[in-house]
Amino acid sequence: MSIYDGPDTFLQQYNASPEASRVLFAAHWTQSEVLNGGFEQYFSNSTGVLAPEAVVAFRALGMPQTAALLERAMAFFDSPYPRDRRERQDALEAAFDASGDDEFDPFQSVDEPFSELLETENGGFETAADKYAALNG
């Protein structure tokens, strides 16, 4: 599954993959990217294409609070969620410019709680993913 070749390619490949692979792929990329650089990095990078799938994935892993925080972060963008990377980057850039604050972070209120839930909800991400894989692999 390629997150680098645009939304259409991603969705085609994603939907053609087995469900367990989809769940683990979306949740893994999301948690990895957010832990690395927060939601700003996640949405700015190609990985942001799979945010809607990651919401479903975290729920499948028994992590509904984590899914809800991702939805809260996604609410920054207009509906429907922009799968196109350039659209997300433009929206973030416009918000930064409008704020006039070099330290502006529209995701500050969700970055830390999301990271904490990744460590705790349903035993933490790794435990939840391992359990899911064992049951659905």
N, C-alpha and C. Protein backbone atom coordinates (compact mmCIF):
# COMPACT_ATOMS: atom_id res chain seq x y z
N MET A 1 0.84 -1.18 0.00
CA MET A 1 0.00 0.00 0.00
C MET A 1 0.88 1.23 0.00
N SER A 2 0.70 2.07 -0.96
CA SER A 2 1.52 3.26 -1.07
C SER A 2 0.78 4.48 -0.54
N ILE A 3 1.41 5.18 0.38
CA ILE A 3 0.87 6.45 0.87
C ILE A 3 1.49 7.62 0.11
N TYR A 4 2.39 7.33 -0.81
CA TYR A 4 3.16 8.36 -1.49
C TYR A 4 2.66 8.72 -2.89
N ASP A 5 1.73 7.95 -3.41
CA ASP A 5 1.32 8.13 -4.80
C ASP A 5 -0.06 8.75 -4.94
N GLY A 6 -0.50 9.46 -3.93
CA GLY A 6 -1.77 10.17 -4.00
C GLY A 6 -2.94 9.37 -3.44
N PRO A 7 -4.03 10.07 -3.17
CA PRO A 7 -5.18 9.45 -2.53
C PRO A 7 -5.83 8.33 -3.33
N ASP A 8 -5.94 8.47 -4.64
CA ASP A 8 -6.61 7.45 -5.44
C ASP A 8 -5.85 6.13 -5.42
N THR A 9 -4.54 6.21 -5.61
CA THR A 9 -3.72 5.00 -5.58
C THR A 9 -3.76 4.37 -4.19
N PHE A 10 -3.63 5.21 -3.17
CA PHE A 10 -3.67 4.68 -1.80
C PHE A 10 -4.98 3.93 -1.56
N LEU A 11 -6.10 4.57 -1.85
CA LEU A 11 -7.40 3.96 -1.56
C LEU A 11 -7.62 2.67 -2.36
N GLN A 12 -7.18 2.65 -3.60
CA GLN A 12 -7.32 1.45 -4.42
C GLN A 12 -6.53 0.29 -3.80
N GLN A 13 -5.29 0.55 -3.46
CA GLN A 13 -4.44 -0.49 -2.88
C GLN A 13 -4.91 -0.88 -1.48
N TYR A 14 -5.30 0.11 -0.70
CA TYR A 14 -5.76 -0.14 0.67
C TYR A 14 -6.99 -1.04 0.65
N ASN A 15 -7.96 -0.69 -0.18
CA ASN A 15 -9.21 -1.44 -0.22
C ASN A 15 -9.04 -2.84 -0.79
N ALA A 16 -7.96 -3.08 -1.54
CA ALA A 16 -7.69 -4.40 -2.11
C ALA A 16 -6.93 -5.31 -1.13
N SER A 17 -6.52 -4.76 0.00
CA SER A 17 -5.72 -5.51 0.98
C SER A 17 -6.63 -6.19 2.00
N PRO A 18 -6.13 -7.25 2.64
CA PRO A 18 -6.91 -7.90 3.69
C PRO A 18 -7.18 -6.94 4.87
N GLU A 19 -8.31 -7.14 5.51
CA GLU A 19 -8.72 -6.22 6.58
C GLU A 19 -7.67 -6.10 7.69
N ALA A 20 -7.12 -7.21 8.14
CA ALA A 20 -6.14 -7.15 9.22
C ALA A 20 -4.93 -6.32 8.80
N SER A 21 -4.50 -6.46 7.57
CA SER A 21 -3.38 -5.68 7.07
C SER A 21 -3.71 -4.20 7.04
N ARG A 22 -4.93 -3.87 6.63
CA ARG A 22 -5.36 -2.47 6.59
C ARG A 22 -5.36 -1.86 7.98
N VAL A 23 -5.93 -2.56 8.93
CA VAL A 23 -6.01 -2.04 10.30
C VAL A 23 -4.62 -1.78 10.86
N LEU A 24 -3.76 -2.77 10.75
CA LEU A 24 -2.42 -2.64 11.33
C LEU A 24 -1.59 -1.59 10.59
N PHE A 25 -1.73 -1.52 9.29
CA PHE A 25 -1.01 -0.53 8.49
C PHE A 25 -1.41 0.89 8.88
N ALA A 26 -2.70 1.17 8.91
CA ALA A 26 -3.18 2.53 9.21
C ALA A 26 -2.84 2.95 10.64
N ALA A 27 -3.05 2.06 11.57
CA ALA A 27 -2.76 2.41 12.97
C ALA A 27 -1.25 2.58 13.19
N HIS A 28 -0.46 1.68 12.61
CA HIS A 28 0.99 1.78 12.79
C HIS A 28 1.54 3.09 12.24
N TRP A 29 1.21 3.42 10.98
CA TRP A 29 1.74 4.64 10.39
C TRP A 29 1.31 5.87 11.18
N THR A 30 0.08 5.87 11.63
CA THR A 30 -0.42 7.04 12.36
C THR A 30 0.30 7.20 13.68
N GLN A 31 0.38 6.14 14.47
CA GLN A 31 1.04 6.28 15.77
C GLN A 31 2.51 6.60 15.60
N SER A 32 3.15 6.00 14.62
CA SER A 32 4.56 6.25 14.39
C SER A 32 4.83 7.71 14.03
N GLU A 33 4.04 8.24 13.13
CA GLU A 33 4.25 9.61 12.67
C GLU A 33 3.90 10.63 13.75
N VAL A 34 2.81 10.41 14.47
CA VAL A 34 2.42 11.36 15.52
C VAL A 34 3.43 11.34 16.66
N LEU A 35 3.91 10.16 17.03
CA LEU A 35 4.92 10.10 18.08
C LEU A 35 6.22 10.76 17.64
N ASN A 36 6.52 10.72 16.37
CA ASN A 36 7.76 11.31 15.85
C ASN A 36 7.69 12.82 15.82
N GLY A 37 6.55 13.39 15.40
CA GLY A 37 6.52 14.84 15.23
C GLY A 37 5.17 15.49 15.45
N GLY A 38 4.26 14.78 16.10
CA GLY A 38 2.96 15.35 16.39
C GLY A 38 2.03 15.32 15.19
N PHE A 39 0.80 15.77 15.42
CA PHE A 39 -0.19 15.78 14.35
C PHE A 39 0.17 16.74 13.22
N GLU A 40 0.89 17.79 13.55
CA GLU A 40 1.30 18.71 12.48
C GLU A 40 2.14 17.96 11.45
N GLN A 41 3.09 17.17 11.90
CA GLN A 41 3.91 16.38 10.98
C GLN A 41 3.06 15.35 10.25
N TYR A 42 2.21 14.65 10.97
CA TYR A 42 1.36 13.62 10.38
C TYR A 42 0.53 14.18 9.23
N PHE A 43 -0.14 15.29 9.47
CA PHE A 43 -1.01 15.86 8.45
C PHE A 43 -0.22 16.54 7.32
N SER A 44 0.98 17.01 7.61
CA SER A 44 1.81 17.64 6.59
C SER A 44 2.44 16.63 5.64
N ASN A 45 2.64 15.43 6.12
CA ASN A 45 3.32 14.40 5.34
C ASN A 45 2.32 13.53 4.59
N SER A 46 2.84 12.67 3.77
CA SER A 46 2.01 11.76 2.98
C SER A 46 1.14 10.86 3.84
N THR A 47 1.58 10.55 5.05
CA THR A 47 0.83 9.65 5.92
C THR A 47 -0.56 10.17 6.24
N GLY A 48 -0.75 11.46 6.18
CA GLY A 48 -2.05 12.04 6.49
C GLY A 48 -3.16 11.54 5.59
N VAL A 49 -2.83 10.94 4.45
CA VAL A 49 -3.83 10.43 3.53
C VAL A 49 -4.71 9.37 4.20
N LEU A 50 -4.16 8.68 5.19
CA LEU A 50 -4.88 7.55 5.76
C LEU A 50 -5.56 7.85 7.10
N ALA A 51 -5.71 9.10 7.44
CA ALA A 51 -6.33 9.44 8.73
C ALA A 51 -7.72 8.84 8.90
N PRO A 52 -8.62 8.92 7.93
CA PRO A 52 -9.95 8.31 8.14
C PRO A 52 -9.87 6.80 8.40
N GLU A 53 -8.97 6.13 7.72
CA GLU A 53 -8.79 4.69 7.93
C GLU A 53 -8.19 4.41 9.30
N ALA A 54 -7.34 5.31 9.77
CA ALA A 54 -6.73 5.12 11.09
C ALA A 54 -7.76 5.23 12.20
N VAL A 55 -8.75 6.07 12.03
CA VAL A 55 -9.83 6.16 13.03
C VAL A 55 -10.50 4.79 13.16
N VAL A 56 -10.85 4.20 12.03
CA VAL A 56 -11.47 2.88 12.02
C VAL A 56 -10.51 1.85 12.62
N ALA A 57 -9.24 1.96 12.28
CA ALA A 57 -8.24 1.01 12.75
C ALA A 57 -8.09 1.04 14.27
N PHE A 58 -8.00 2.23 14.84
CA PHE A 58 -7.85 2.30 16.30
C PHE A 58 -9.08 1.73 17.01
N ARG A 59 -10.24 1.94 16.44
CA ARG A 59 -11.45 1.34 17.02
C ARG A 59 -11.37 -0.18 16.95
N ALA A 60 -10.89 -0.71 15.82
CA ALA A 60 -10.75 -2.16 15.66
C ALA A 60 -9.75 -2.73 16.66
N LEU A 61 -8.77 -1.92 17.05
CA LEU A 61 -7.76 -2.36 18.02
C LEU A 61 -8.26 -2.22 19.46
N GLY A 62 -9.49 -1.77 19.63
CA GLY A 62 -10.02 -1.57 20.98
C GLY A 62 -9.50 -0.30 21.62
N MET A 63 -9.24 0.72 20.79
CA MET A 63 -8.69 1.98 21.27
C MET A 63 -9.60 3.15 20.84
N PRO A 64 -10.84 3.16 21.33
CA PRO A 64 -11.79 4.19 20.89
C PRO A 64 -11.44 5.60 21.33
N GLN A 65 -10.78 5.75 22.46
CA GLN A 65 -10.38 7.09 22.90
C GLN A 65 -9.28 7.64 21.99
N THR A 66 -8.39 6.80 21.58
CA THR A 66 -7.33 7.18 20.65
C THR A 66 -7.96 7.60 19.32
N ALA A 67 -8.92 6.82 18.85
CA ALA A 67 -9.63 7.15 17.62
C ALA A 67 -10.33 8.50 17.74
N ALA A 68 -10.94 8.75 18.90
CA ALA A 68 -11.65 10.02 19.10
C ALA A 68 -10.70 11.21 19.08
N LEU A 69 -9.51 11.06 19.63
CA LEU A 69 -8.54 12.16 19.58
C LEU A 69 -8.06 12.41 18.16
N LEU A 70 -7.90 11.35 17.39
CA LEU A 70 -7.54 11.53 15.98
C LEU A 70 -8.65 12.27 15.25
N GLU A 71 -9.89 11.91 15.50
CA GLU A 71 -11.01 12.63 14.89
C GLU A 71 -11.01 14.10 15.29
N ARG A 72 -10.69 14.36 16.55
CA ARG A 72 -10.62 15.74 17.03
C ARG A 72 -9.54 16.52 16.28
N ALA A 73 -8.40 15.89 16.05
CA ALA A 73 -7.33 16.54 15.30
C ALA A 73 -7.75 16.76 13.85
N MET A 74 -8.44 15.79 13.27
CA MET A 74 -8.89 15.89 11.88
C MET A 74 -9.91 17.01 11.71
N ALA A 75 -10.63 17.35 12.77
CA ALA A 75 -11.65 18.40 12.70
C ALA A 75 -11.06 19.77 12.37
N PHE A 76 -9.75 19.91 12.50
CA PHE A 76 -9.08 21.15 12.09
C PHE A 76 -9.37 21.46 10.63
N PHE A 77 -9.49 20.42 9.82
CA PHE A 77 -9.68 20.57 8.38
C PHE A 77 -11.18 20.62 8.06
N ASP A 78 -11.48 21.21 6.93
CA ASP A 78 -12.87 21.22 6.47
C ASP A 78 -13.33 19.80 6.18
N SER A 79 -14.64 19.66 6.16
CA SER A 79 -15.23 18.38 5.80
C SER A 79 -15.66 18.47 4.34
N PRO A 80 -15.40 17.49 3.52
CA PRO A 80 -14.77 16.23 3.87
C PRO A 80 -13.27 16.40 4.09
N TYR A 81 -12.72 15.46 4.85
CA TYR A 81 -11.30 15.49 5.17
C TYR A 81 -10.48 15.50 3.88
N PRO A 82 -9.50 16.41 3.78
CA PRO A 82 -8.69 16.49 2.56
C PRO A 82 -7.60 15.41 2.50
N ARG A 83 -7.79 14.46 1.63
CA ARG A 83 -6.79 13.40 1.49
C ARG A 83 -5.56 13.89 0.73
N ASP A 84 -5.72 14.91 -0.06
CA ASP A 84 -4.62 15.45 -0.83
C ASP A 84 -3.64 16.18 0.09
N ARG A 85 -2.38 15.79 0.02
CA ARG A 85 -1.35 16.35 0.89
C ARG A 85 -1.24 17.86 0.74
N ARG A 86 -1.24 18.35 -0.49
CA ARG A 86 -1.10 19.79 -0.74
C ARG A 86 -2.25 20.56 -0.09
N GLU A 87 -3.47 20.04 -0.15
CA GLU A 87 -4.61 20.70 0.49
C GLU A 87 -4.41 20.81 2.01
N ARG A 88 -3.92 19.74 2.61
CA ARG A 88 -3.68 19.78 4.07
C ARG A 88 -2.56 20.77 4.39
N GLN A 89 -1.50 20.75 3.59
CA GLN A 89 -0.40 21.68 3.83
C GLN A 89 -0.85 23.12 3.66
N ASP A 90 -1.67 23.40 2.66
CA ASP A 90 -2.18 24.76 2.44
C ASP A 90 -3.04 25.21 3.62
N ALA A 91 -3.88 24.33 4.14
CA ALA A 91 -4.73 24.68 5.28
C ALA A 91 -3.88 24.96 6.52
N LEU A 92 -2.86 24.16 6.73
CA LEU A 92 -1.97 24.39 7.88
C LEU A 92 -1.21 25.70 7.71
N GLU A 93 -0.69 25.94 6.53
CA GLU A 93 0.06 27.17 6.27
C GLU A 93 -0.83 28.40 6.48
N ALA A 94 -2.06 28.34 6.01
CA ALA A 94 -2.99 29.47 6.19
C ALA A 94 -3.27 29.71 7.66
N ALA A 95 -3.41 28.65 8.43
CA ALA A 95 -3.66 28.80 9.87
C ALA A 95 -2.44 29.40 10.57
N PHE A 96 -1.25 28.96 10.20
CA PHE A 96 -0.03 29.51 10.80
C PHE A 96 0.11 30.98 10.45
N ASP A 97 -0.13 31.32 9.19
CA ASP A 97 -0.03 32.72 8.75
C ASP A 97 -1.05 33.58 9.48
N ALA A 98 -2.27 33.09 9.61
CA ALA A 98 -3.34 33.85 10.26
C ALA A 98 -3.06 34.06 11.74
N SER A 99 -2.38 33.10 12.36
CA SER A 99 -2.12 33.21 13.80
C SER A 99 -1.09 34.30 14.10
N GLY A 100 -0.14 34.52 13.19
CA GLY A 100 0.91 35.49 13.42
C GLY A 100 1.85 35.09 14.55
N ASP A 101 1.79 33.83 14.95
CA ASP A 101 2.58 33.33 16.08
C ASP A 101 3.48 32.20 15.58
N ASP A 102 4.78 32.40 15.71
CA ASP A 102 5.73 31.37 15.26
C ASP A 102 5.58 30.07 16.04
N GLU A 103 5.00 30.12 17.22
CA GLU A 103 4.85 28.94 18.07
C GLU A 103 3.46 28.31 17.95
N PHE A 104 2.64 28.80 17.03
CA PHE A 104 1.27 28.32 16.86
C PHE A 104 1.26 26.82 16.56
N ASP A 105 0.44 26.09 17.28
CA ASP A 105 0.27 24.66 17.05
C ASP A 105 -1.19 24.31 17.26
N PRO A 106 -1.94 24.13 16.18
CA PRO A 106 -3.38 23.85 16.33
C PRO A 106 -3.67 22.49 16.96
N PHE A 107 -2.65 21.67 17.12
CA PHE A 107 -2.84 20.32 17.65
C PHE A 107 -2.25 20.14 19.04
N GLN A 108 -1.85 21.23 19.64
CA GLN A 108 -1.20 21.17 20.95
C GLN A 108 -2.07 20.44 21.98
N SER A 109 -3.37 20.65 21.93
CA SER A 109 -4.25 20.05 22.94
C SER A 109 -4.48 18.56 22.72
N VAL A 110 -4.11 18.02 21.57
CA VAL A 110 -4.33 16.59 21.32
C VAL A 110 -3.05 15.77 21.20
N ASP A 111 -1.93 16.40 20.90
CA ASP A 111 -0.68 15.65 20.72
C ASP A 111 -0.33 14.82 21.96
N GLU A 112 -0.24 15.46 23.10
CA GLU A 112 0.19 14.75 24.31
C GLU A 112 -0.83 13.71 24.77
N PRO A 113 -2.13 14.06 24.84
CA PRO A 113 -3.09 13.03 25.24
C PRO A 113 -3.10 11.82 24.29
N PHE A 114 -2.93 12.07 22.98
CA PHE A 114 -2.87 10.97 22.02
C PHE A 114 -1.68 10.07 22.33
N SER A 115 -0.53 10.67 22.57
CA SER A 115 0.67 9.90 22.89
C SER A 115 0.49 9.09 24.17
N GLU A 116 -0.15 9.69 25.16
CA GLU A 116 -0.39 8.97 26.42
C GLU A 116 -1.32 7.79 26.21
N LEU A 117 -2.37 7.99 25.43
CA LEU A 117 -3.30 6.89 25.17
C LEU A 117 -2.63 5.76 24.39
N LEU A 118 -1.71 6.10 23.51
CA LEU A 118 -0.99 5.06 22.78
C LEU A 118 -0.22 4.15 23.72
N GLU A 119 0.13 4.65 24.87
CA GLU A 119 0.87 3.85 25.86
C GLU A 119 -0.05 3.10 26.81
N THR A 120 -1.30 3.55 26.95
CA THR A 120 -2.14 3.00 28.00
C THR A 120 -3.43 2.32 27.53
N GLU A 121 -4.10 2.89 26.55
CA GLU A 121 -5.42 2.35 26.19
C GLU A 121 -5.30 0.91 25.67
N ASN A 122 -6.13 0.04 26.21
CA ASN A 122 -6.16 -1.38 25.84
C ASN A 122 -4.78 -2.03 25.92
N GLY A 123 -4.02 -1.64 26.94
CA GLY A 123 -2.68 -2.20 27.14
C GLY A 123 -1.59 -1.49 26.36
N GLY A 124 -1.94 -0.47 25.62
CA GLY A 124 -0.98 0.26 24.78
C GLY A 124 -1.04 -0.24 23.35
N PHE A 125 -0.56 0.58 22.44
CA PHE A 125 -0.66 0.26 21.02
C PHE A 125 -0.05 -1.09 20.67
N GLU A 126 1.18 -1.35 21.10
CA GLU A 126 1.84 -2.59 20.71
C GLU A 126 1.08 -3.82 21.19
N THR A 127 0.61 -3.76 22.43
CA THR A 127 -0.15 -4.89 22.97
C THR A 127 -1.46 -5.07 22.22
N ALA A 128 -2.17 -3.96 21.98
CA ALA A 128 -3.44 -4.02 21.27
C ALA A 128 -3.24 -4.54 19.84
N ALA A 129 -2.18 -4.07 19.18
CA ALA A 129 -1.90 -4.52 17.80
C ALA A 129 -1.53 -6.00 17.79
N ASP A 130 -0.73 -6.43 18.74
CA ASP A 130 -0.36 -7.85 18.81
C ASP A 130 -1.59 -8.73 19.04
N LYS A 131 -2.47 -8.30 19.96
CA LYS A 131 -3.69 -9.08 20.21
C LYS A 131 -4.55 -9.15 18.96
N TYR A 132 -4.70 -8.00 18.30
CA TYR A 132 -5.50 -7.97 17.08
C TYR A 132 -4.90 -8.89 16.02
N ALA A 133 -3.60 -8.82 15.83
CA ALA A 133 -2.94 -9.64 14.82
C ALA A 133 -3.10 -11.14 15.15
N ALA A 134 -2.99 -11.48 16.41
CA ALA A 134 -3.13 -12.89 16.82
C ALA A 134 -4.54 -13.41 16.54
N LEU A 135 -5.53 -12.55 16.73
CA LEU A 135 -6.92 -12.97 16.51
C LEU A 135 -7.34 -12.90 15.05
N ASN A 136 -6.67 -12.04 14.27
CA ASN A 136 -7.11 -11.80 12.90
C ASN A 136 -6.06 -12.14 11.84
N GLY A 137 -4.95 -12.66 12.28
CA GLY A 137 -3.84 -12.92 11.35
C GLY A 137 -4.06 -14.13 10.55
